[in-house]
């Protein structure tokens, strides 16, 4: 499964260029991570790095199943 460029762009706009992670296992305690991200740094490590992540493995490649995560949060989801 892979998100289309349009879905990723819509999710990015929704997120305001910030990490959407709210996982309690990442010490966010239901508060959004909110780390500032850089559009050009998708799929990279380093400052502002991020990835589009499937919320549910059965939810498909839809906007409602896409969340924008900083690289640190994305790496912790596996």
PDB file of N, CA and C in Angstrom:
ATOM      1  N   UNK A   1       0.837  -1.185   0.000  1.00  0.00           N
ATOM      2  CA  UNK A   1       0.000   0.000   0.000  1.00  0.00           C
ATOM      3  C   UNK A   1       0.883   1.249   0.000  1.00  0.00           C
ATOM      4  N   UNK A   2       0.456   2.217  -0.767  1.00  0.00           N
ATOM      5  CA  UNK A   2       1.174   3.497  -0.816  1.00  0.00           C
ATOM      6  C   UNK A   2       0.168   4.616  -1.063  1.00  0.00           C
ATOM      7  N   UNK A   3       0.363   5.711  -0.369  1.00  0.00           N
ATOM      8  CA  UNK A   3      -0.512   6.861  -0.552  1.00  0.00           C
ATOM      9  C   UNK A   3      -0.174   7.576  -1.859  1.00  0.00           C
ATOM     10  N   UNK A   4      -1.192   8.120  -2.498  1.00  0.00           N
ATOM     11  CA  UNK A   4      -0.958   8.948  -3.678  1.00  0.00           C
ATOM     12  C   UNK A   4      -0.328  10.267  -3.228  1.00  0.00           C
ATOM     13  N   UNK A   5       0.302  10.953  -4.163  1.00  0.00           N
ATOM     14  CA  UNK A   5       0.888  12.259  -3.862  1.00  0.00           C
ATOM     15  C   UNK A   5      -0.171  13.227  -3.360  1.00  0.00           C
ATOM     16  N   UNK A   6      -1.378  13.147  -3.928  1.00  0.00           N
ATOM     17  CA  UNK A   6      -2.462  14.043  -3.509  1.00  0.00           C
ATOM     18  C   UNK A   6      -2.891  13.781  -2.065  1.00  0.00           C
ATOM     19  N   UNK A   7      -3.002  12.518  -1.681  1.00  0.00           N
ATOM     20  CA  UNK A   7      -3.375  12.193  -0.295  1.00  0.00           C
ATOM     21  C   UNK A   7      -2.300  12.699   0.662  1.00  0.00           C
ATOM     22  N   UNK A   8      -1.037  12.494   0.329  1.00  0.00           N
ATOM     23  CA  UNK A   8       0.053  12.972   1.183  1.00  0.00           C
ATOM     24  C   UNK A   8       0.005  14.496   1.298  1.00  0.00           C
ATOM     25  N   UNK A   9      -0.218  15.183   0.201  1.00  0.00           N
ATOM     26  CA  UNK A   9      -0.293  16.649   0.224  1.00  0.00           C
ATOM     27  C   UNK A   9      -1.469  17.122   1.082  1.00  0.00           C
ATOM     28  N   UNK A  10      -2.605  16.464   0.976  1.00  0.00           N
ATOM     29  CA  UNK A  10      -3.770  16.831   1.794  1.00  0.00           C
ATOM     30  C   UNK A  10      -3.484  16.588   3.269  1.00  0.00           C
ATOM     31  N   UNK A  11      -2.864  15.461   3.590  1.00  0.00           N
ATOM     32  CA  UNK A  11      -2.533  15.154   4.987  1.00  0.00           C
ATOM     33  C   UNK A  11      -1.528  16.166   5.529  1.00  0.00           C
ATOM     34  N   UNK A  12      -0.563  16.543   4.691  1.00  0.00           N
ATOM     35  CA  UNK A  12       0.438  17.539   5.098  1.00  0.00           C
ATOM     36  C   UNK A  12      -0.236  18.869   5.438  1.00  0.00           C
ATOM     37  N   UNK A  13      -1.155  19.302   4.586  1.00  0.00           N
ATOM     38  CA  UNK A  13      -1.881  20.557   4.847  1.00  0.00           C
ATOM     39  C   UNK A  13      -2.698  20.450   6.133  1.00  0.00           C
ATOM     40  N   UNK A  14      -3.375  19.322   6.312  1.00  0.00           N
ATOM     41  CA  UNK A  14      -4.158  19.113   7.531  1.00  0.00           C
ATOM     42  C   UNK A  14      -3.269  19.192   8.764  1.00  0.00           C
ATOM     43  N   UNK A  15      -2.073  18.606   8.679  1.00  0.00           N
ATOM     44  CA  UNK A  15      -1.141  18.567   9.807  1.00  0.00           C
ATOM     45  C   UNK A  15      -0.452  19.907  10.045  1.00  0.00           C
ATOM     46  N   UNK A  16      -0.530  20.793   9.071  1.00  0.00           N
ATOM     47  CA  UNK A  16       0.133  22.086   9.204  1.00  0.00           C
ATOM     48  C   UNK A  16       1.650  21.964   9.230  1.00  0.00           C
ATOM     49  N   UNK A  17       2.179  20.903   8.590  1.00  0.00           N
ATOM     50  CA  UNK A  17       3.630  20.712   8.556  1.00  0.00           C
ATOM     51  C   UNK A  17       4.219  20.304   9.892  1.00  0.00           C
ATOM     52  N   UNK A  18       3.383  19.687  10.739  1.00  0.00           N
ATOM     53  CA  UNK A  18       3.830  19.259  12.070  1.00  0.00           C
ATOM     54  C   UNK A  18       3.395  17.813  12.323  1.00  0.00           C
ATOM     55  N   UNK A  19       4.162  17.128  13.163  1.00  0.00           N
ATOM     56  CA  UNK A  19       3.884  15.730  13.487  1.00  0.00           C
ATOM     57  C   UNK A  19       2.528  15.591  14.171  1.00  0.00           C
ATOM     58  N   UNK A  20       1.736  14.626  13.689  1.00  0.00           N
ATOM     59  CA  UNK A  20       0.395  14.404  14.230  1.00  0.00           C
ATOM     60  C   UNK A  20       0.347  13.325  15.312  1.00  0.00           C
ATOM     61  N   UNK A  21       1.470  12.733  15.672  1.00  0.00           N
ATOM     62  CA  UNK A  21       1.491  11.606  16.611  1.00  0.00           C
ATOM     63  C   UNK A  21       0.912  11.986  17.978  1.00  0.00           C
ATOM     64  N   UNK A  22       0.045  11.100  18.482  1.00  0.00           N
ATOM     65  CA  UNK A  22      -0.533  11.264  19.816  1.00  0.00           C
ATOM     66  C   UNK A  22      -0.391   9.982  20.647  1.00  0.00           C
ATOM     67  N   UNK A  23       0.504   9.084  20.238  1.00  0.00           N
ATOM     68  CA  UNK A  23       0.649   7.793  20.910  1.00  0.00           C
ATOM     69  C   UNK A  23       1.187   7.956  22.328  1.00  0.00           C
ATOM     70  N   UNK A  24       0.532   7.316  23.280  1.00  0.00           N
ATOM     71  CA  UNK A  24       0.996   7.360  24.667  1.00  0.00           C
ATOM     72  C   UNK A  24       2.299   6.600  24.832  1.00  0.00           C
ATOM     73  N   UNK A  25       2.560   5.644  23.968  1.00  0.00           N
ATOM     74  CA  UNK A  25       3.810   4.886  24.032  1.00  0.00           C
ATOM     75  C   UNK A  25       5.006   5.718  23.582  1.00  0.00           C
ATOM     76  N   UNK A  26       4.779   6.895  23.043  1.00  0.00           N
ATOM     77  CA  UNK A  26       5.842   7.807  22.630  1.00  0.00           C
ATOM     78  C   UNK A  26       5.968   8.967  23.611  1.00  0.00           C
ATOM     79  N   UNK A  27       5.434   8.818  24.786  1.00  0.00           N
ATOM     80  CA  UNK A  27       5.478   9.837  25.841  1.00  0.00           C
ATOM     81  C   UNK A  27       4.776  11.139  25.477  1.00  0.00           C
ATOM     82  N   UNK A  28       3.776  11.053  24.601  1.00  0.00           N
ATOM     83  CA  UNK A  28       2.991  12.240  24.263  1.00  0.00           C
ATOM     84  C   UNK A  28       1.774  12.394  25.177  1.00  0.00           C
ATOM     85  N   UNK A  29       1.360  11.288  25.809  1.00  0.00           N
ATOM     86  CA  UNK A  29       0.210  11.309  26.716  1.00  0.00           C
ATOM     87  C   UNK A  29      -1.014  11.955  26.080  1.00  0.00           C
ATOM     88  N   UNK A  30      -1.333  11.522  24.882  1.00  0.00           N
ATOM     89  CA  UNK A  30      -2.484  11.998  24.111  1.00  0.00           C
ATOM     90  C   UNK A  30      -2.343  13.435  23.634  1.00  0.00           C
ATOM     91  N   UNK A  31      -1.206  14.057  23.878  1.00  0.00           N
ATOM     92  CA  UNK A  31      -0.933  15.391  23.367  1.00  0.00           C
ATOM     93  C   UNK A  31      -0.129  15.213  22.078  1.00  0.00           C
ATOM     94  N   UNK A  32      -0.441  15.974  21.084  1.00  0.00           N
ATOM     95  CA  UNK A  32       0.228  15.865  19.788  1.00  0.00           C
ATOM     96  C   UNK A  32       1.720  16.182  19.902  1.00  0.00           C
ATOM     97  N   UNK A  33       2.552  15.392  19.233  1.00  0.00           N
ATOM     98  CA  UNK A  33       4.002  15.617  19.192  1.00  0.00           C
ATOM     99  C   UNK A  33       4.291  17.027  18.692  1.00  0.00           C
ATOM    100  N   UNK A  34       3.721  17.359  17.543  1.00  0.00           N
ATOM    101  CA  UNK A  34       3.759  18.719  17.005  1.00  0.00           C
ATOM    102  C   UNK A  34       5.142  19.200  16.562  1.00  0.00           C
ATOM    103  N   UNK A  35       6.092  18.274  16.385  1.00  0.00           N
ATOM    104  CA  UNK A  35       7.421  18.664  15.924  1.00  0.00           C
ATOM    105  C   UNK A  35       7.316  19.264  14.520  1.00  0.00           C
ATOM    106  N   UNK A  36       8.021  20.369  14.291  1.00  0.00           N
ATOM    107  CA  UNK A  36       8.004  21.037  12.990  1.00  0.00           C
ATOM    108  C   UNK A  36       8.753  20.193  11.955  1.00  0.00           C
ATOM    109  N   UNK A  37       8.149  20.050  10.773  1.00  0.00           N
ATOM    110  CA  UNK A  37       8.696  19.209   9.713  1.00  0.00           C
ATOM    111  C   UNK A  37       9.016  20.041   8.479  1.00  0.00           C
ATOM    112  N   UNK A  38       9.821  19.460   7.593  1.00  0.00           N
ATOM    113  CA  UNK A  38      10.220  20.120   6.350  1.00  0.00           C
ATOM    114  C   UNK A  38       9.731  19.274   5.180  1.00  0.00           C
ATOM    115  N   UNK A  39       8.908  19.853   4.314  1.00  0.00           N
ATOM    116  CA  UNK A  39       8.303  19.122   3.193  1.00  0.00           C
ATOM    117  C   UNK A  39       9.336  18.306   2.412  1.00  0.00           C
ATOM    118  N   UNK A  40      10.457  18.906   2.107  1.00  0.00           N
ATOM    119  CA  UNK A  40      11.482  18.259   1.286  1.00  0.00           C
ATOM    120  C   UNK A  40      12.176  17.085   1.988  1.00  0.00           C
ATOM    121  N   UNK A  41      11.980  16.938   3.285  1.00  0.00           N
ATOM    122  CA  UNK A  41      12.682  15.900   4.043  1.00  0.00           C
ATOM    123  C   UNK A  41      11.845  14.651   4.294  1.00  0.00           C
ATOM    124  N   UNK A  42      10.881  14.388   3.443  1.00  0.00           N
ATOM    125  CA  UNK A  42      10.097  13.166   3.572  1.00  0.00           C
ATOM    126  C   UNK A  42      11.004  11.955   3.328  1.00  0.00           C
ATOM    127  N   UNK A  43      10.914  10.973   4.231  1.00  0.00           N
ATOM    128  CA  UNK A  43      11.659   9.732   4.072  1.00  0.00           C
ATOM    129  C   UNK A  43      13.130   9.828   4.388  1.00  0.00           C
ATOM    130  N   UNK A  44      13.533  10.888   5.036  1.00  0.00           N
ATOM    131  CA  UNK A  44      14.945  11.087   5.368  1.00  0.00           C
ATOM    132  C   UNK A  44      15.125  11.182   6.864  1.00  0.00           C
ATOM    133  N   UNK A  45      16.317  10.975   7.300  1.00  0.00           N
ATOM    134  CA  UNK A  45      16.650  11.207   8.700  1.00  0.00           C
ATOM    135  C   UNK A  45      17.142  12.635   8.858  1.00  0.00           C
ATOM    136  N   UNK A  46      17.125  13.120  10.079  1.00  0.00           N
ATOM    137  CA  UNK A  46      17.641  14.463  10.350  1.00  0.00           C
ATOM    138  C   UNK A  46      16.549  15.464  10.679  1.00  0.00           C
ATOM    139  N   UNK A  47      16.929  16.712  10.781  1.00  0.00           N
ATOM    140  CA  UNK A  47      16.019  17.785  11.181  1.00  0.00           C
ATOM    141  C   UNK A  47      14.855  17.928  10.204  1.00  0.00           C
ATOM    142  N   UNK A  48      13.644  17.908  10.743  1.00  0.00           N
ATOM    143  CA  UNK A  48      12.446  18.095   9.931  1.00  0.00           C
ATOM    144  C   UNK A  48      12.036  16.881   9.124  1.00  0.00           C
ATOM    145  N   UNK A  49      12.689  15.738   9.353  1.00  0.00           N
ATOM    146  CA  UNK A  49      12.369  14.520   8.595  1.00  0.00           C
ATOM    147  C   UNK A  49      11.014  13.965   9.014  1.00  0.00           C
ATOM    148  N   UNK A  50      10.323  13.343   8.064  1.00  0.00           N
ATOM    149  CA  UNK A  50       8.977  12.843   8.324  1.00  0.00           C
ATOM    150  C   UNK A  50       8.608  11.768   7.319  1.00  0.00           C
ATOM    151  N   UNK A  51       7.435  11.123   7.599  1.00  0.00           N
ATOM    152  CA  UNK A  51       6.877  10.149   6.670  1.00  0.00           C
ATOM    153  C   UNK A  51       5.365  10.120   6.842  1.00  0.00           C
ATOM    154  N   UNK A  52       4.676   9.790   5.762  1.00  0.00           N
ATOM    155  CA  UNK A  52       3.231   9.557   5.814  1.00  0.00           C
ATOM    156  C   UNK A  52       3.044   8.116   6.256  1.00  0.00           C
ATOM    157  N   UNK A  53       2.180   7.904   7.240  1.00  0.00           N
ATOM    158  CA  UNK A  53       2.034   6.594   7.870  1.00  0.00           C
ATOM    159  C   UNK A  53       0.576   6.142   7.848  1.00  0.00           C
ATOM    160  N   UNK A  54       0.364   4.852   7.589  1.00  0.00           N
ATOM    161  CA  UNK A  54      -0.991   4.288   7.669  1.00  0.00           C
ATOM    162  C   UNK A  54      -1.397   4.144   9.132  1.00  0.00           C
ATOM    163  N   UNK A  55      -2.537   4.682   9.490  1.00  0.00           N
ATOM    164  CA  UNK A  55      -3.046   4.553  10.853  1.00  0.00           C
ATOM    165  C   UNK A  55      -3.445   3.106  11.110  1.00  0.00           C
ATOM    166  N   UNK A  56      -4.118   2.494  10.152  1.00  0.00           N
ATOM    167  CA  UNK A  56      -4.556   1.102  10.248  1.00  0.00           C
ATOM    168  C   UNK A  56      -4.097   0.352   9.011  1.00  0.00           C
ATOM    169  N   UNK A  57      -3.612  -0.865   9.190  1.00  0.00           N
ATOM    170  CA  UNK A  57      -3.159  -1.661   8.048  1.00  0.00           C
ATOM    171  C   UNK A  57      -4.315  -2.090   7.157  1.00  0.00           C
ATOM    172  N   UNK A  58      -5.532  -2.005   7.653  1.00  0.00           N
ATOM    173  CA  UNK A  58      -6.703  -2.398   6.866  1.00  0.00           C
ATOM    174  C   UNK A  58      -7.508  -1.204   6.364  1.00  0.00           C
ATOM    175  N   UNK A  59      -7.022   0.010   6.598  1.00  0.00           N
ATOM    176  CA  UNK A  59      -7.783   1.214   6.263  1.00  0.00           C
ATOM    177  C   UNK A  59      -7.610   1.745   4.862  1.00  0.00           C
ATOM    178  N   UNK A  60      -6.674   1.192   4.109  1.00  0.00           N
ATOM    179  CA  UNK A  60      -6.479   1.658   2.745  1.00  0.00           C
ATOM    180  C   UNK A  60      -5.618   2.897   2.660  1.00  0.00           C
ATOM    181  N   UNK A  61      -5.471   3.379   1.447  1.00  0.00           N
ATOM    182  CA  UNK A  61      -4.607   4.526   1.156  1.00  0.00           C
ATOM    183  C   UNK A  61      -5.410   5.821   1.071  1.00  0.00           C
ATOM    184  N   UNK A  62      -6.236   6.062   2.062  1.00  0.00           N
ATOM    185  CA  UNK A  62      -7.135   7.210   2.084  1.00  0.00           C
ATOM    186  C   UNK A  62      -6.612   8.296   3.024  1.00  0.00           C
ATOM    187  N   UNK A  63      -7.105   9.493   2.854  1.00  0.00           N
ATOM    188  CA  UNK A  63      -6.721  10.597   3.732  1.00  0.00           C
ATOM    189  C   UNK A  63      -7.055  10.291   5.187  1.00  0.00           C
ATOM    190  N   UNK A  64      -8.192   9.686   5.431  1.00  0.00           N
ATOM    191  CA  UNK A  64      -8.591   9.395   6.810  1.00  0.00           C
ATOM    192  C   UNK A  64      -7.711   8.332   7.462  1.00  0.00           C
ATOM    193  N   UNK A  65      -6.930   7.610   6.669  1.00  0.00           N
ATOM    194  CA  UNK A  65      -6.031   6.583   7.200  1.00  0.00           C
ATOM    195  C   UNK A  65      -4.566   7.021   7.120  1.00  0.00           C
ATOM    196  N   UNK A  66      -4.330   8.274   6.828  1.00  0.00           N
ATOM    197  CA  UNK A  66      -2.974   8.789   6.665  1.00  0.00           C
ATOM    198  C   UNK A  66      -2.664   9.771   7.784  1.00  0.00           C
ATOM    199  N   UNK A  67      -1.521   9.575   8.426  1.00  0.00           N
ATOM    200  CA  UNK A  67      -1.064  10.542   9.419  1.00  0.00           C
ATOM    201  C   UNK A  67       0.374  10.923   9.094  1.00  0.00           C
ATOM    202  N   UNK A  68       0.706  12.153   9.368  1.00  0.00           N
ATOM    203  CA  UNK A  68       2.045  12.670   9.137  1.00  0.00           C
ATOM    204  C   UNK A  68       2.817  12.546  10.440  1.00  0.00           C
ATOM    205  N   UNK A  69       3.936  11.801  10.379  1.00  0.00           N
ATOM    206  CA  UNK A  69       4.746  11.564  11.573  1.00  0.00           C
ATOM    207  C   UNK A  69       6.175  12.032  11.365  1.00  0.00           C
ATOM    208  N   UNK A  70       6.741  12.662  12.405  1.00  0.00           N
ATOM    209  CA  UNK A  70       8.157  12.984  12.357  1.00  0.00           C
ATOM    210  C   UNK A  70       8.936  11.669  12.278  1.00  0.00           C
ATOM    211  N   UNK A  71      10.169  11.754  11.875  1.00  0.00           N
ATOM    212  CA  UNK A  71      10.969  10.543  11.684  1.00  0.00           C
ATOM    213  C   UNK A  71      11.088   9.744  12.982  1.00  0.00           C
ATOM    214  N   UNK A  72      11.260  10.420  14.123  1.00  0.00           N
ATOM    215  CA  UNK A  72      11.379   9.716  15.399  1.00  0.00           C
ATOM    216  C   UNK A  72      10.112   8.935  15.718  1.00  0.00           C
ATOM    217  N   UNK A  73       8.959   9.552  15.580  1.00  0.00           N
ATOM    218  CA  UNK A  73       7.685   8.860  15.857  1.00  0.00           C
ATOM    219  C   UNK A  73       7.445   7.744  14.850  1.00  0.00           C
ATOM    220  N   UNK A  74       7.762   8.005  13.596  1.00  0.00           N
ATOM    221  CA  UNK A  74       7.566   6.979  12.561  1.00  0.00           C
ATOM    222  C   UNK A  74       8.414   5.752  12.861  1.00  0.00           C
ATOM    223  N   UNK A  75       9.650   5.933  13.267  1.00  0.00           N
ATOM    224  CA  UNK A  75      10.540   4.809  13.561  1.00  0.00           C
ATOM    225  C   UNK A  75      10.044   4.023  14.776  1.00  0.00           C
ATOM    226  N   UNK A  76       9.375   4.655  15.707  1.00  0.00           N
ATOM    227  CA  UNK A  76       8.878   3.976  16.909  1.00  0.00           C
ATOM    228  C   UNK A  76       7.598   3.194  16.666  1.00  0.00           C
ATOM    229  N   UNK A  77       6.955   3.376  15.510  1.00  0.00           N
ATOM    230  CA  UNK A  77       5.704   2.671  15.236  1.00  0.00           C
ATOM    231  C   UNK A  77       5.922   1.248  14.784  1.00  0.00           C
ATOM    232  N   UNK A  78       7.164   0.846  14.539  1.00  0.00           N
ATOM    233  CA  UNK A  78       7.446  -0.514  14.070  1.00  0.00           C
ATOM    234  C   UNK A  78       7.932  -1.400  15.166  1.00  0.00           C
TER     235      UNK A  78
END
